[in-house]
Structure formats: C-alpha cells, structure tokens
C-alpha cells in the first residue's frame, strides 16, 4: 500500500459553523444567507441540534467559489473587450 505525499493527503475531520466562519472571516449571518441561497458548504448533523462541516465539504465549497469568481472575471473581460466571432484578432505592429 503506497502512501500519498504529505501535500496530497486529505485532512480528516470537521469544524463547527462558528469555526468555519472564523477561519474564512465571514459573519454567521453571511453564512446563513449563503446557505439560504444554496451557496453554503454541505453540513451534516450530529444529534438533533449540532451541525458540522467536514474538511472535504469546506474544500469543495472553496473550489466552487473559486470557479464562480473565475467565471465572473472571464465574463467581465469579455464584456470589456468584445470581438466578433470568426474575425481575426488585431495584430501587433
């Protein structure tokens, strides 16, 4: 059985919603607003009241936010520098 390099090992564990918010410097109200619009991280219940966020769910949430930011930046760039499809880009002199 081969071991993964330390840089590729996945941390196992979870954090509370408060710990998650503190780590990402977001207010609890922001967390609940993100959750309300379907953009919060996956959570799971421990008992009836306690909810936790696994490190895997946190990593996936961050990757989703990064993809969204990249898509928004690319869209803004296309709007700022539109060009006709099929036309050759301008050549440098």
Foldseek 3Di string as FASTA:
>chain_A
DDDDPPVPDDDWDWAFLVVLCVVVVHDSVVQVVCVVVPLHFDWDDDPDPTIIHTSVSVVVSVVVVVVVVVVVVVVVVCVVDPDDPPDDDDDDD
